Amino acid sequence: MYRKLFIFTFALLLSINTFSIAQMRMSHETRVKQYSERLKLNDEQTKAVDSILSVSEKKFSQITTEDKTQRHEEMKKIMDESNIRIAAILTPDQNTEFQKMLDERKNRMNGQGKGVHEKPTN
């Protein structure tokens, strides 16, 4: 009885974790579509965001350091540069929504890696 419950619980947790990882690593096309829909981008803006994200992804793939802290810093720098470039092509209303998106992402990232009973600190 306990063994079946343990196996069921383990399988459930594994599937939830796999789903979470899949969401975090969405495809380039899905990310562009998400930005386009949520920010209500026009065609020109969508192409610009596509280009900005492509450049960022290429830069991410060129990070070679094994040091986690340094890798994190390099990735943050690339993301910050991308966010600045994206914000520059948006209207004021779109920028407001974009900042909400960034805040949501930051909140999700702050919760990542925390223990079950720990609350994220801001």
C-alpha atoms as a PDB file:
ATOM      1  CA  MET A   1       0.000   0.000   0.000  1.00  0.00           C
ATOM      2  CA  TYR A   2       2.683   2.515   1.059  1.00  0.00           C
ATOM      3  CA  ARG A   3       4.884   1.466  -1.829  1.00  0.00           C
ATOM      4  CA  LYS A   4       2.118   2.195  -4.344  1.00  0.00           C
ATOM      5  CA  LEU A   5       1.459   5.563  -2.718  1.00  0.00           C
ATOM      6  CA  PHE A   6       5.173   6.380  -2.799  1.00  0.00           C
ATOM      7  CA  ILE A   7       5.460   5.434  -6.477  1.00  0.00           C
ATOM      8  CA  PHE A   8       2.364   7.454  -7.361  1.00  0.00           C
ATOM      9  CA  THR A   9       3.642  10.499  -5.446  1.00  0.00           C
ATOM     10  CA  PHE A  10       7.085  10.203  -7.018  1.00  0.00           C
ATOM     11  CA  ALA A  11       5.604   9.948 -10.524  1.00  0.00           C
ATOM     12  CA  LEU A  12       3.359  12.948  -9.880  1.00  0.00           C
ATOM     13  CA  LEU A  13       6.242  15.089  -8.634  1.00  0.00           C
ATOM     14  CA  LEU A  14       8.409  14.025 -11.553  1.00  0.00           C
ATOM     15  CA  SER A  15       5.726  14.962 -14.084  1.00  0.00           C
ATOM     16  CA  ILE A  16       5.162  18.360 -12.418  1.00  0.00           C
ATOM     17  CA  ASN A  17       8.902  19.058 -12.446  1.00  0.00           C
ATOM     18  CA  THR A  18       9.201  18.015 -16.100  1.00  0.00           C
ATOM     19  CA  PHE A  19       6.280  20.282 -17.026  1.00  0.00           C
ATOM     20  CA  SER A  20       7.891  23.211 -15.181  1.00  0.00           C
ATOM     21  CA  ILE A  21      11.211  22.719 -16.954  1.00  0.00           C
ATOM     22  CA  ALA A  22       9.449  22.513 -20.311  1.00  0.00           C
ATOM     23  CA  GLN A  23       7.713  25.817 -19.641  1.00  0.00           C
ATOM     24  CA  MET A  24      10.972  27.523 -18.658  1.00  0.00           C
ATOM     25  CA  ARG A  25      12.673  26.388 -21.859  1.00  0.00           C
ATOM     26  CA  MET A  26      10.141  27.326 -24.450  1.00  0.00           C
ATOM     27  CA  SER A  27      11.145  27.441 -28.079  1.00  0.00           C
ATOM     28  CA  HIS A  28      12.256  30.631 -29.764  1.00  0.00           C
ATOM     29  CA  GLU A  29       9.078  30.742 -31.838  1.00  0.00           C
ATOM     30  CA  THR A  30       6.909  30.321 -28.758  1.00  0.00           C
ATOM     31  CA  ARG A  31       8.735  33.128 -26.948  1.00  0.00           C
ATOM     32  CA  VAL A  32       8.323  35.485 -29.923  1.00  0.00           C
ATOM     33  CA  LYS A  33       4.646  34.580 -30.157  1.00  0.00           C
ATOM     34  CA  GLN A  34       4.189  35.165 -26.421  1.00  0.00           C
ATOM     35  CA  TYR A  35       5.791  38.613 -26.647  1.00  0.00           C
ATOM     36  CA  SER A  36       3.805  39.457 -29.769  1.00  0.00           C
ATOM     37  CA  GLU A  37       0.455  38.475 -28.283  1.00  0.00           C
ATOM     38  CA  ARG A  38       0.929  39.813 -24.779  1.00  0.00           C
ATOM     39  CA  LEU A  39       2.450  43.132 -25.866  1.00  0.00           C
ATOM     40  CA  LYS A  40       0.215  43.447 -28.945  1.00  0.00           C
ATOM     41  CA  LEU A  41       3.200  44.015 -31.207  1.00  0.00           C
ATOM     42  CA  ASN A  42       2.844  45.114 -34.807  1.00  0.00           C
ATOM     43  CA  ASP A  43       4.686  43.209 -37.558  1.00  0.00           C
ATOM     44  CA  GLU A  44       7.746  45.455 -37.444  1.00  0.00           C
ATOM     45  CA  GLN A  45       8.030  45.161 -33.666  1.00  0.00           C
ATOM     46  CA  THR A  46       7.586  41.385 -33.840  1.00  0.00           C
ATOM     47  CA  LYS A  47      10.458  41.116 -36.337  1.00  0.00           C
ATOM     48  CA  ALA A  48      12.638  43.306 -34.095  1.00  0.00           C
ATOM     49  CA  VAL A  49      11.866  41.206 -30.995  1.00  0.00           C
ATOM     50  CA  ASP A  50      12.573  38.048 -33.006  1.00  0.00           C
ATOM     51  CA  SER A  51      15.971  39.456 -33.978  1.00  0.00           C
ATOM     52  CA  ILE A  52      16.802  40.633 -30.449  1.00  0.00           C
ATOM     53  CA  LEU A  53      15.914  37.248 -28.942  1.00  0.00           C
ATOM     54  CA  SER A  54      17.916  35.439 -31.640  1.00  0.00           C
ATOM     55  CA  VAL A  55      21.010  37.488 -30.846  1.00  0.00           C
ATOM     56  CA  SER A  56      20.531  36.836 -27.119  1.00  0.00           C
ATOM     57  CA  GLU A  57      20.173  33.099 -27.641  1.00  0.00           C
ATOM     58  CA  LYS A  58      23.328  33.055 -29.742  1.00  0.00           C
ATOM     59  CA  LYS A  59      25.215  34.934 -27.008  1.00  0.00           C
ATOM     60  CA  PHE A  60      23.893  32.495 -24.380  1.00  0.00           C
ATOM     61  CA  SER A  61      25.218  29.562 -26.372  1.00  0.00           C
ATOM     62  CA  GLN A  62      28.656  31.189 -26.524  1.00  0.00           C
ATOM     63  CA  ILE A  63      29.059  31.334 -22.743  1.00  0.00           C
ATOM     64  CA  THR A  64      31.721  28.765 -21.971  1.00  0.00           C
ATOM     65  CA  THR A  65      32.500  29.254 -18.302  1.00  0.00           C
ATOM     66  CA  GLU A  66      31.783  26.432 -15.879  1.00  0.00           C
ATOM     67  CA  ASP A  67      31.669  28.842 -12.914  1.00  0.00           C
ATOM     68  CA  LYS A  68      27.968  29.123 -12.035  1.00  0.00           C
ATOM     69  CA  THR A  69      28.265  32.598 -10.548  1.00  0.00           C
ATOM     70  CA  GLN A  70      30.125  33.982 -13.539  1.00  0.00           C
ATOM     71  CA  ARG A  71      27.763  32.206 -15.935  1.00  0.00           C
ATOM     72  CA  HIS A  72      24.773  33.713 -14.112  1.00  0.00           C
ATOM     73  CA  GLU A  73      26.318  37.188 -14.295  1.00  0.00           C
ATOM     74  CA  GLU A  74      27.007  36.860 -18.027  1.00  0.00           C
ATOM     75  CA  MET A  75      23.481  35.612 -18.691  1.00  0.00           C
ATOM     76  CA  LYS A  76      21.980  38.447 -16.638  1.00  0.00           C
ATOM     77  CA  LYS A  77      24.014  40.988 -18.600  1.00  0.00           C
ATOM     78  CA  ILE A  78      22.765  39.539 -21.907  1.00  0.00           C
ATOM     79  CA  MET A  79      19.150  39.523 -20.669  1.00  0.00           C
ATOM     80  CA  ASP A  80      19.421  43.097 -19.401  1.00  0.00           C
ATOM     81  CA  GLU A  81      20.793  44.251 -22.773  1.00  0.00           C
ATOM     82  CA  SER A  82      17.972  42.449 -24.583  1.00  0.00           C
ATOM     83  CA  ASN A  83      15.335  43.935 -22.291  1.00  0.00           C
ATOM     84  CA  ILE A  84      16.686  47.441 -22.904  1.00  0.00           C
ATOM     85  CA  ARG A  85      16.633  46.876 -26.675  1.00  0.00           C
ATOM     86  CA  ILE A  86      13.089  45.499 -26.543  1.00  0.00           C
ATOM     87  CA  ALA A  87      11.853  48.341 -24.325  1.00  0.00           C
ATOM     88  CA  ALA A  88      13.268  50.857 -26.829  1.00  0.00           C
ATOM     89  CA  ILE A  89      10.944  49.655 -29.604  1.00  0.00           C
ATOM     90  CA  LEU A  90       7.766  49.597 -27.498  1.00  0.00           C
ATOM     91  CA  THR A  91       5.068  52.197 -27.005  1.00  0.00           C
ATOM     92  CA  PRO A  92       4.487  53.495 -23.453  1.00  0.00           C
ATOM     93  CA  ASP A  93       1.498  51.147 -22.972  1.00  0.00           C
ATOM     94  CA  GLN A  94       3.478  48.185 -24.286  1.00  0.00           C
ATOM     95  CA  ASN A  95       6.364  49.112 -21.995  1.00  0.00           C
ATOM     96  CA  THR A  96       4.048  49.026 -18.984  1.00  0.00           C
ATOM     97  CA  GLU A  97       2.975  45.489 -19.904  1.00  0.00           C
ATOM     98  CA  PHE A  98       6.580  44.519 -20.649  1.00  0.00           C
ATOM     99  CA  GLN A  99       7.628  45.621 -17.158  1.00  0.00           C
ATOM    100  CA  LYS A 100       4.836  43.440 -15.736  1.00  0.00           C
ATOM    101  CA  MET A 101       6.217  40.499 -17.742  1.00  0.00           C
ATOM    102  CA  LEU A 102       9.709  41.126 -16.387  1.00  0.00           C
ATOM    103  CA  ASP A 103       8.410  41.386 -12.825  1.00  0.00           C
ATOM    104  CA  GLU A 104       6.542  38.086 -13.225  1.00  0.00           C
ATOM    105  CA  ARG A 105       9.675  36.417 -14.594  1.00  0.00           C
ATOM    106  CA  LYS A 106      11.717  37.815 -11.698  1.00  0.00           C
ATOM    107  CA  ASN A 107       9.182  36.496  -9.177  1.00  0.00           C
ATOM    108  CA  ARG A 108       9.248  33.048 -10.799  1.00  0.00           C
ATOM    109  CA  MET A 109      13.044  33.033 -10.762  1.00  0.00           C
ATOM    110  CA  ASN A 110      13.163  34.110  -7.107  1.00  0.00           C
ATOM    111  CA  GLY A 111      10.976  31.134  -6.204  1.00  0.00           C
ATOM    112  CA  GLN A 112      13.181  28.735  -8.123  1.00  0.00           C
ATOM    113  CA  GLY A 113      15.470  26.578  -6.025  1.00  0.00           C
ATOM    114  CA  LYS A 114      13.802  27.458  -2.742  1.00  0.00           C
ATOM    115  CA  GLY A 115      12.913  24.766  -0.280  1.00  0.00           C
ATOM    116  CA  VAL A 116       9.306  23.684   0.059  1.00  0.00           C
ATOM    117  CA  HIS A 117       8.826  25.619   3.279  1.00  0.00           C
ATOM    118  CA  GLU A 118      10.955  28.636   2.401  1.00  0.00           C
ATOM    119  CA  LYS A 119       9.392  31.810   1.112  1.00  0.00           C
ATOM    120  CA  PRO A 120      11.213  33.743  -1.598  1.00  0.00           C
ATOM    121  CA  THR A 121      12.860  36.917  -0.392  1.00  0.00           C
ATOM    122  CA  ASN A 122      12.583  40.074  -2.460  1.00  0.00           C
END
